[in-house]
N, C-alpha and C. Protein backbone atom coordinates (compact mmCIF):
# COMPACT_ATOMS: atom_id res chain seq x y z
N MET A 1 80.42 67.17 83.72
CA MET A 1 81.78 67.62 83.94
C MET A 1 81.95 68.11 85.38
N GLY A 2 80.90 68.75 85.93
CA GLY A 2 80.96 69.24 87.30
C GLY A 2 81.22 68.12 88.30
N TRP A 3 80.57 66.98 88.09
CA TRP A 3 80.77 65.84 88.99
C TRP A 3 82.22 65.37 88.93
N PHE A 4 82.76 65.28 87.73
CA PHE A 4 84.14 64.83 87.55
C PHE A 4 85.11 65.76 88.28
N LEU A 5 84.95 67.05 88.08
CA LEU A 5 85.84 68.02 88.73
C LEU A 5 85.68 68.01 90.25
N SER A 6 84.44 67.90 90.72
CA SER A 6 84.20 67.87 92.17
C SER A 6 84.85 66.64 92.81
N SER A 7 84.86 65.53 92.09
CA SER A 7 85.45 64.31 92.64
C SER A 7 86.96 64.45 92.81
N TRP A 8 87.56 65.41 92.14
CA TRP A 8 88.98 65.69 92.27
C TRP A 8 89.24 66.85 93.22
N GLY A 9 88.22 67.31 93.93
CA GLY A 9 88.40 68.35 94.93
C GLY A 9 88.10 69.76 94.46
N ALA A 10 87.61 69.92 93.24
CA ALA A 10 87.29 71.25 92.74
C ALA A 10 86.01 71.76 93.41
N PHE A 11 85.92 73.07 93.53
CA PHE A 11 84.72 73.69 94.10
C PHE A 11 84.08 74.53 93.00
N PRO A 12 82.81 74.29 92.72
CA PRO A 12 82.15 75.06 91.64
C PRO A 12 81.99 76.53 92.02
N VAL A 13 82.25 77.40 91.07
CA VAL A 13 82.17 78.84 91.29
C VAL A 13 81.14 79.43 90.33
N ASP A 14 80.28 80.29 90.86
CA ASP A 14 79.33 81.02 90.02
C ASP A 14 80.10 82.20 89.42
N ARG A 15 80.37 82.14 88.13
CA ARG A 15 81.19 83.16 87.49
C ARG A 15 80.41 84.41 87.13
N GLU A 16 79.11 84.38 87.30
CA GLU A 16 78.28 85.54 86.92
C GLU A 16 78.23 86.62 87.99
N LYS A 17 78.57 86.28 89.23
CA LYS A 17 78.51 87.24 90.33
C LYS A 17 79.54 86.85 91.38
N PHE A 18 79.70 87.70 92.39
CA PHE A 18 80.58 87.37 93.49
C PHE A 18 79.99 86.17 94.22
N ASP A 19 80.72 85.08 94.29
CA ASP A 19 80.25 83.83 94.88
C ASP A 19 80.78 83.71 96.30
N ILE A 20 79.97 84.10 97.28
CA ILE A 20 80.40 84.11 98.67
C ILE A 20 80.73 82.70 99.18
N ARG A 21 79.99 81.69 98.68
CA ARG A 21 80.29 80.30 99.10
C ARG A 21 81.69 79.89 98.64
N ALA A 22 82.02 80.19 97.41
CA ALA A 22 83.35 79.84 96.89
C ALA A 22 84.44 80.63 97.62
N TYR A 23 84.15 81.89 97.91
CA TYR A 23 85.11 82.72 98.63
C TYR A 23 85.38 82.15 100.03
N ARG A 24 84.32 81.79 100.75
CA ARG A 24 84.48 81.21 102.09
C ARG A 24 85.19 79.86 102.03
N TRP A 25 84.88 79.06 101.02
CA TRP A 25 85.55 77.77 100.85
C TRP A 25 87.04 77.99 100.64
N SER A 26 87.39 78.97 99.80
CA SER A 26 88.79 79.28 99.53
C SER A 26 89.51 79.76 100.80
N LEU A 27 88.86 80.65 101.55
CA LEU A 27 89.43 81.12 102.81
C LEU A 27 89.69 79.95 103.76
N ASP A 28 88.74 79.03 103.83
CA ASP A 28 88.89 77.86 104.70
C ASP A 28 90.07 76.99 104.27
N GLN A 29 90.17 76.72 102.97
CA GLN A 29 91.29 75.91 102.47
C GLN A 29 92.63 76.56 102.80
N LEU A 30 92.73 77.85 102.55
CA LEU A 30 93.99 78.55 102.78
C LEU A 30 94.31 78.70 104.27
N SER A 31 93.28 78.83 105.11
CA SER A 31 93.52 78.96 106.55
C SER A 31 94.05 77.65 107.14
N ARG A 32 93.79 76.54 106.46
CA ARG A 32 94.29 75.24 106.92
C ARG A 32 95.56 74.83 106.17
N ASP A 33 96.26 75.84 105.61
CA ASP A 33 97.48 75.62 104.83
C ASP A 33 97.24 74.72 103.62
N GLY A 34 96.02 74.74 103.11
CA GLY A 34 95.71 74.03 101.88
C GLY A 34 96.11 74.86 100.68
N ALA A 35 95.98 74.28 99.53
CA ALA A 35 96.28 74.98 98.28
C ALA A 35 95.02 75.04 97.43
N ILE A 36 94.89 76.10 96.68
CA ILE A 36 93.79 76.21 95.73
C ILE A 36 94.37 76.60 94.38
N VAL A 37 93.70 76.21 93.33
CA VAL A 37 94.07 76.62 91.98
C VAL A 37 92.99 77.58 91.52
N MET A 38 93.43 78.74 91.06
CA MET A 38 92.47 79.74 90.58
C MET A 38 92.78 80.09 89.13
N PHE A 39 91.75 80.37 88.40
CA PHE A 39 91.87 80.93 87.07
C PHE A 39 91.25 82.32 87.17
N PRO A 40 92.06 83.33 87.50
CA PRO A 40 91.55 84.66 87.84
C PRO A 40 90.74 85.36 86.75
N GLU A 41 90.86 84.90 85.52
CA GLU A 41 90.12 85.55 84.44
C GLU A 41 88.63 85.21 84.48
N GLY A 42 88.28 84.14 85.16
CA GLY A 42 86.87 83.80 85.32
C GLY A 42 86.27 82.97 84.20
N SER A 43 87.00 82.79 83.12
CA SER A 43 86.51 81.91 82.04
C SER A 43 87.69 81.51 81.18
N ARG A 44 87.45 80.60 80.28
CA ARG A 44 88.50 80.14 79.39
C ARG A 44 88.74 81.19 78.30
N ASN A 45 90.00 81.44 78.03
CA ASN A 45 90.39 82.39 76.99
C ASN A 45 91.49 81.75 76.15
N PRO A 46 91.15 80.75 75.37
CA PRO A 46 92.18 80.01 74.63
C PRO A 46 93.05 80.92 73.76
N GLY A 47 94.34 80.81 73.96
CA GLY A 47 95.28 81.50 73.11
C GLY A 47 95.70 82.90 73.53
N ARG A 48 95.04 83.48 74.53
CA ARG A 48 95.41 84.82 74.98
C ARG A 48 94.83 85.09 76.36
N MET A 49 95.54 85.91 77.12
CA MET A 49 95.06 86.27 78.45
C MET A 49 94.02 87.39 78.35
N ALA A 50 93.00 87.31 79.19
CA ALA A 50 92.00 88.38 79.30
C ALA A 50 92.20 89.05 80.66
N ARG A 51 91.61 90.19 80.84
CA ARG A 51 91.72 90.91 82.11
C ARG A 51 91.12 90.07 83.24
N ALA A 52 91.87 89.91 84.31
CA ALA A 52 91.44 89.09 85.44
C ALA A 52 90.50 89.86 86.36
N ARG A 53 89.75 89.11 87.12
CA ARG A 53 88.86 89.68 88.13
C ARG A 53 89.64 89.83 89.44
N PRO A 54 89.23 90.73 90.30
CA PRO A 54 90.03 91.03 91.49
C PRO A 54 89.90 90.03 92.65
N GLY A 55 89.17 88.95 92.48
CA GLY A 55 89.04 87.97 93.56
C GLY A 55 90.37 87.38 94.00
N VAL A 56 91.28 87.18 93.06
CA VAL A 56 92.59 86.63 93.40
C VAL A 56 93.34 87.58 94.33
N ALA A 57 93.26 88.87 94.07
CA ALA A 57 93.92 89.85 94.94
C ALA A 57 93.25 89.90 96.30
N GLN A 58 91.93 89.86 96.33
CA GLN A 58 91.19 89.90 97.59
C GLN A 58 91.60 88.73 98.49
N LEU A 59 91.67 87.52 97.93
CA LEU A 59 92.09 86.36 98.71
C LEU A 59 93.54 86.48 99.17
N ALA A 60 94.41 86.93 98.27
CA ALA A 60 95.83 87.03 98.61
C ALA A 60 96.06 88.06 99.73
N ILE A 61 95.34 89.16 99.69
CA ILE A 61 95.47 90.18 100.73
C ILE A 61 94.95 89.65 102.06
N LYS A 62 93.79 89.03 102.02
CA LYS A 62 93.14 88.55 103.25
C LYS A 62 93.94 87.44 103.93
N THR A 63 94.50 86.50 103.15
CA THR A 63 95.14 85.32 103.73
C THR A 63 96.65 85.40 103.81
N GLN A 64 97.27 86.31 103.04
CA GLN A 64 98.72 86.38 102.94
C GLN A 64 99.31 85.04 102.49
N ALA A 65 98.52 84.25 101.77
CA ALA A 65 98.99 82.97 101.24
C ALA A 65 99.98 83.22 100.11
N PRO A 66 100.99 82.36 99.99
CA PRO A 66 101.91 82.50 98.86
C PRO A 66 101.17 82.27 97.54
N ILE A 67 101.62 82.95 96.51
CA ILE A 67 101.05 82.83 95.18
C ILE A 67 102.10 82.19 94.29
N LEU A 68 101.72 81.16 93.56
CA LEU A 68 102.62 80.49 92.63
C LEU A 68 102.10 80.73 91.22
N PRO A 69 102.72 81.65 90.47
CA PRO A 69 102.22 81.91 89.12
C PRO A 69 102.55 80.75 88.17
N VAL A 70 101.58 80.40 87.35
CA VAL A 70 101.74 79.30 86.39
C VAL A 70 101.21 79.76 85.05
N GLY A 71 102.02 79.57 84.02
CA GLY A 71 101.61 79.90 82.66
C GLY A 71 101.40 78.62 81.86
N ILE A 72 100.25 78.49 81.23
CA ILE A 72 99.91 77.28 80.47
C ILE A 72 99.67 77.66 79.02
N THR A 73 100.30 76.96 78.10
CA THR A 73 100.06 77.19 76.67
C THR A 73 99.68 75.87 76.00
N GLY A 74 99.00 75.99 74.88
CA GLY A 74 98.63 74.83 74.08
C GLY A 74 97.21 74.34 74.30
N THR A 75 96.50 74.91 75.25
CA THR A 75 95.14 74.44 75.52
C THR A 75 94.15 74.84 74.45
N GLU A 76 94.50 75.85 73.64
CA GLU A 76 93.58 76.28 72.59
C GLU A 76 93.39 75.22 71.52
N LYS A 77 94.27 74.22 71.49
CA LYS A 77 94.18 73.16 70.49
C LYS A 77 93.47 71.92 71.03
N LEU A 78 93.04 71.96 72.27
CA LEU A 78 92.39 70.80 72.86
C LEU A 78 90.99 70.54 72.31
N GLY A 79 90.24 71.58 72.03
CA GLY A 79 88.85 71.39 71.61
C GLY A 79 87.97 71.23 72.82
N THR A 80 87.18 70.18 72.88
CA THR A 80 86.27 69.94 73.99
C THR A 80 87.03 69.50 75.23
N PRO A 81 86.45 69.68 76.42
CA PRO A 81 87.12 69.23 77.64
C PRO A 81 87.43 67.74 77.66
N PHE A 82 86.69 66.94 76.88
CA PHE A 82 86.93 65.50 76.87
C PHE A 82 88.21 65.14 76.13
N ARG A 83 88.83 66.11 75.44
CA ARG A 83 90.11 65.89 74.77
C ARG A 83 91.22 65.63 75.79
N VAL A 84 90.96 65.90 77.05
CA VAL A 84 91.94 65.60 78.10
C VAL A 84 92.29 64.12 78.06
N PHE A 85 91.31 63.28 77.73
CA PHE A 85 91.52 61.83 77.70
C PHE A 85 92.19 61.37 76.42
N ASN A 86 92.13 62.16 75.36
CA ASN A 86 92.75 61.84 74.09
C ASN A 86 93.33 63.14 73.52
N PRO A 87 94.42 63.62 74.14
CA PRO A 87 94.92 64.95 73.78
C PRO A 87 95.53 65.03 72.38
N THR A 88 95.43 66.22 71.82
CA THR A 88 96.12 66.53 70.57
C THR A 88 96.96 67.77 70.83
N GLY A 89 98.10 67.85 70.22
CA GLY A 89 98.96 69.01 70.44
C GLY A 89 99.77 68.88 71.71
N LYS A 90 100.53 69.90 72.00
CA LYS A 90 101.39 69.91 73.18
C LYS A 90 100.93 70.98 74.16
N ILE A 91 100.79 70.60 75.38
CA ILE A 91 100.49 71.55 76.45
C ILE A 91 101.78 71.79 77.20
N ARG A 92 102.10 73.05 77.42
CA ARG A 92 103.30 73.40 78.17
C ARG A 92 102.88 74.16 79.43
N VAL A 93 103.55 73.82 80.52
CA VAL A 93 103.28 74.46 81.80
C VAL A 93 104.60 75.05 82.30
N ASN A 94 104.60 76.36 82.51
CA ASN A 94 105.77 77.05 83.06
C ASN A 94 105.39 77.53 84.46
N ILE A 95 106.23 77.18 85.42
CA ILE A 95 105.97 77.52 86.82
C ILE A 95 106.97 78.56 87.27
N GLY A 96 106.46 79.68 87.78
CA GLY A 96 107.31 80.77 88.24
C GLY A 96 107.70 80.59 89.70
N SER A 97 108.26 81.62 90.27
CA SER A 97 108.65 81.61 91.68
C SER A 97 107.49 82.08 92.55
N ALA A 98 107.32 81.41 93.68
CA ALA A 98 106.27 81.80 94.62
C ALA A 98 106.60 83.16 95.24
N PHE A 99 105.57 83.92 95.53
CA PHE A 99 105.74 85.22 96.18
C PHE A 99 104.53 85.50 97.05
N THR A 100 104.67 86.43 97.97
CA THR A 100 103.54 86.88 98.77
C THR A 100 103.43 88.39 98.59
N LEU A 101 102.24 88.87 98.80
CA LEU A 101 102.00 90.30 98.72
C LEU A 101 102.45 90.96 100.01
N PRO A 102 102.85 92.22 99.94
CA PRO A 102 103.12 92.93 101.19
C PRO A 102 101.81 93.09 101.97
N GLU A 103 101.92 93.14 103.28
CA GLU A 103 100.72 93.28 104.09
C GLU A 103 100.07 94.64 103.83
N ILE A 104 98.78 94.62 103.60
CA ILE A 104 98.03 95.85 103.32
C ILE A 104 97.04 96.04 104.46
N THR A 105 97.10 97.19 105.10
CA THR A 105 96.18 97.48 106.19
C THR A 105 95.18 98.52 105.72
N GLY A 106 94.07 98.56 106.40
CA GLY A 106 93.05 99.54 106.04
C GLY A 106 92.09 99.01 104.99
N VAL A 107 91.33 99.91 104.46
CA VAL A 107 90.30 99.55 103.49
C VAL A 107 90.93 99.39 102.11
N THR A 108 90.55 98.32 101.42
CA THR A 108 91.02 98.13 100.05
C THR A 108 89.91 98.55 99.11
N ASN A 109 90.24 99.47 98.22
CA ASN A 109 89.23 99.90 97.26
C ASN A 109 89.40 99.15 95.94
N LYS A 110 88.48 99.35 95.04
CA LYS A 110 88.47 98.64 93.76
C LYS A 110 89.74 98.91 92.95
N LYS A 111 90.18 100.16 92.95
CA LYS A 111 91.37 100.53 92.19
C LYS A 111 92.60 99.77 92.69
N LEU A 112 92.76 99.67 94.00
CA LEU A 112 93.87 98.93 94.59
C LEU A 112 93.78 97.45 94.25
N LEU A 113 92.58 96.88 94.35
CA LEU A 113 92.41 95.45 94.04
C LEU A 113 92.77 95.15 92.59
N TYR A 114 92.33 96.00 91.66
CA TYR A 114 92.67 95.77 90.26
C TYR A 114 94.17 95.96 90.01
N SER A 115 94.79 96.90 90.70
CA SER A 115 96.22 97.11 90.55
C SER A 115 97.00 95.88 91.01
N ILE A 116 96.62 95.32 92.14
CA ILE A 116 97.28 94.12 92.66
C ILE A 116 97.00 92.93 91.74
N THR A 117 95.78 92.83 91.26
CA THR A 117 95.43 91.76 90.32
C THR A 117 96.31 91.84 89.09
N ASP A 118 96.47 93.04 88.54
CA ASP A 118 97.32 93.22 87.37
C ASP A 118 98.77 92.81 87.66
N MET A 119 99.27 93.15 88.83
CA MET A 119 100.63 92.78 89.20
C MET A 119 100.79 91.26 89.25
N ILE A 120 99.81 90.58 89.81
CA ILE A 120 99.84 89.12 89.87
C ILE A 120 99.81 88.54 88.46
N MET A 121 98.92 89.06 87.63
CA MET A 121 98.77 88.52 86.28
C MET A 121 99.98 88.83 85.40
N GLU A 122 100.68 89.92 85.67
CA GLU A 122 101.90 90.22 84.92
C GLU A 122 102.98 89.20 85.23
N ARG A 123 102.96 88.64 86.44
CA ARG A 123 103.90 87.56 86.78
C ARG A 123 103.56 86.30 85.98
N VAL A 124 102.29 86.06 85.76
CA VAL A 124 101.89 84.92 84.92
C VAL A 124 102.28 85.20 83.47
N ALA A 125 102.00 86.40 82.99
CA ALA A 125 102.31 86.77 81.60
C ALA A 125 103.80 86.60 81.31
N ALA A 126 104.65 86.87 82.26
CA ALA A 126 106.10 86.75 82.06
C ALA A 126 106.51 85.31 81.78
N LEU A 127 105.65 84.35 82.11
CA LEU A 127 105.93 82.93 81.89
C LEU A 127 105.46 82.45 80.53
N LEU A 128 104.83 83.33 79.77
CA LEU A 128 104.22 82.96 78.50
C LEU A 128 104.90 83.63 77.32
N PRO A 129 104.84 82.98 76.14
CA PRO A 129 105.31 83.68 74.93
C PRO A 129 104.44 84.92 74.70
N ALA A 130 105.00 85.92 74.05
CA ALA A 130 104.32 87.21 73.85
C ALA A 130 102.94 87.06 73.23
N LYS A 131 102.75 86.14 72.30
CA LYS A 131 101.46 86.03 71.61
C LYS A 131 100.32 85.58 72.53
N TYR A 132 100.63 85.04 73.70
CA TYR A 132 99.60 84.58 74.63
C TYR A 132 99.22 85.63 75.67
N ARG A 133 99.96 86.70 75.79
CA ARG A 133 99.81 87.64 76.91
C ARG A 133 98.56 88.51 76.85
N GLY A 134 98.01 88.72 75.69
CA GLY A 134 96.76 89.46 75.55
C GLY A 134 96.72 90.74 76.36
N ALA A 135 95.82 90.82 77.33
CA ALA A 135 95.63 92.02 78.15
C ALA A 135 96.84 92.35 79.01
N TYR A 136 97.78 91.44 79.11
CA TYR A 136 98.95 91.64 79.97
C TYR A 136 100.25 91.64 79.19
N LYS A 137 100.23 92.27 78.05
CA LYS A 137 101.48 92.43 77.31
C LYS A 137 102.45 93.19 78.20
N LEU A 138 103.67 92.69 78.30
CA LEU A 138 104.64 93.32 79.19
C LEU A 138 105.03 94.70 78.68
N LYS A 139 105.32 95.58 79.60
CA LYS A 139 105.65 96.95 79.24
C LYS A 139 107.02 97.07 78.57
N THR A 140 107.91 96.12 78.86
CA THR A 140 109.23 96.15 78.22
C THR A 140 109.15 95.36 76.92
N THR A 141 109.92 95.76 75.96
CA THR A 141 109.90 95.05 74.69
C THR A 141 110.93 93.94 74.71
N GLU A 142 110.59 92.87 74.05
CA GLU A 142 111.50 91.73 73.98
C GLU A 142 112.50 91.98 72.85
N PRO A 143 113.75 91.54 73.03
CA PRO A 143 114.71 91.72 71.95
C PRO A 143 114.31 90.88 70.74
N SER A 144 114.43 91.46 69.58
CA SER A 144 114.11 90.69 68.38
C SER A 144 115.41 90.17 67.78
N VAL A 145 115.31 89.03 67.16
CA VAL A 145 116.47 88.42 66.53
C VAL A 145 116.19 88.35 65.04
N ALA A 146 117.05 88.93 64.27
CA ALA A 146 116.86 88.92 62.82
C ALA A 146 117.14 87.53 62.27
N LYS A 147 116.38 87.13 61.27
CA LYS A 147 116.61 85.83 60.63
C LYS A 147 118.00 85.83 60.01
N ASN A 148 118.61 84.68 60.03
CA ASN A 148 119.93 84.45 59.46
C ASN A 148 121.01 85.28 60.11
N SER A 149 120.77 85.76 61.32
CA SER A 149 121.82 86.50 62.03
C SER A 149 122.74 85.53 62.75
N ARG A 150 123.95 85.93 62.95
CA ARG A 150 124.93 85.08 63.63
C ARG A 150 125.24 85.71 64.98
N PRO A 151 125.50 84.85 65.98
CA PRO A 151 125.84 85.39 67.30
C PRO A 151 127.15 86.11 67.31
């Protein structure tokens, strides 16, 4: 699977520790006005969001690159990665509005990085139905509609 993904331009990331090679590769791509796709949670979490790692915030602060939040649903029904070639179910992709972080000067500590990471992930969560939001359930409650109610 690694060969297949690499042939499409993916860069392998060591998810067990901070991967300096992947970080430098990402900085290089973004410095050349390239785009990267990140899954900030660090692993697959079918059906619900898990708490993201702060690498996404670190890159966004360092590069001031625009962030395009994307919410994807339906992947929990895919099964193995090879189901991409013979999919079952419906995958939905919701694309939000691009944004950039305000410029941050000085030293960034862990608390700040996690706070920014949460803010980014809340933008992704807003693109998903409530049952998928997991660790990023929105603080505001959604209006409920009673069955058989009329407008």
